[in-house]
Amino acid sequence: MATGYYYQPPFYRELRRFDGTLNSNIQAQKSIHFLTGIDYNFTSVGKTF
């Protein structure tokens, strides 16, 4: 099992509108990840996969 948290502040281009004014309503990109996995081995035709 694994977890992760991703946080990226906005870039300069995202902070400014096309006319040059400041966009104060912008927020950082955030993401939370949860990961689980399993390893399963089986035998078929005399080989282990």
Protein backbone atom coordinates (compact mmCIF):
# COMPACT_ATOMS: atom_id res chain seq x y z
CA MET A 1 0.00 0.00 0.00
CA ALA A 2 1.11 3.54 -0.64
CA THR A 3 -0.25 7.04 -0.30
CA GLY A 4 0.84 10.34 -1.69
CA TYR A 5 -0.04 14.02 -1.61
CA TYR A 6 0.64 16.29 -4.58
CA TYR A 7 0.71 20.08 -4.32
CA GLN A 8 1.71 22.45 -7.11
CA PRO A 9 1.49 26.22 -6.75
CA PRO A 10 0.11 28.12 -9.77
CA PHE A 11 2.48 29.23 -12.50
CA TYR A 12 3.06 32.88 -13.31
CA ARG A 13 0.99 32.57 -16.50
CA GLU A 14 -1.96 31.25 -14.48
CA LEU A 15 -1.76 34.17 -12.05
CA ARG A 16 -2.16 36.79 -14.80
CA ARG A 17 -5.12 37.25 -17.13
CA PHE A 18 -4.66 38.09 -20.82
CA ASP A 19 -5.06 41.82 -20.12
CA GLY A 20 -2.31 41.69 -17.42
CA THR A 21 -4.53 42.00 -14.34
CA LEU A 22 -4.00 39.69 -11.37
CA ASN A 23 -6.28 36.67 -11.02
CA SER A 24 -6.77 36.42 -7.24
CA ASN A 25 -9.30 33.55 -7.37
CA ILE A 26 -6.75 30.94 -8.45
CA GLN A 27 -5.84 28.04 -6.18
CA ALA A 28 -3.01 25.52 -6.16
CA GLN A 29 -3.47 22.12 -7.75
CA LYS A 30 -3.84 19.43 -5.09
CA SER A 31 -4.27 15.69 -5.27
CA ILE A 32 -4.26 12.78 -2.83
CA HIS A 33 -3.36 9.30 -4.10
CA PHE A 34 -4.08 5.93 -2.56
CA LEU A 35 -2.56 2.84 -4.13
CA THR A 36 -2.92 -0.83 -3.31
CA GLY A 37 -1.61 -3.79 -5.21
CA ILE A 38 -1.34 -7.55 -5.15
CA ASP A 39 1.07 -10.03 -6.68
CA TYR A 40 -0.51 -13.24 -7.91
CA ASN A 41 1.50 -16.18 -9.27
CA PHE A 42 -0.18 -19.07 -11.06
CA THR A 43 0.99 -22.14 -12.92
CA SER A 44 -0.19 -22.97 -16.43
CA VAL A 45 1.28 -25.27 -19.05
CA GLY A 46 4.05 -26.20 -16.62
CA LYS A 47 5.29 -22.60 -16.22
CA THR A 48 4.86 -20.08 -13.43
CA PHE A 49 3.35 -16.76 -14.51
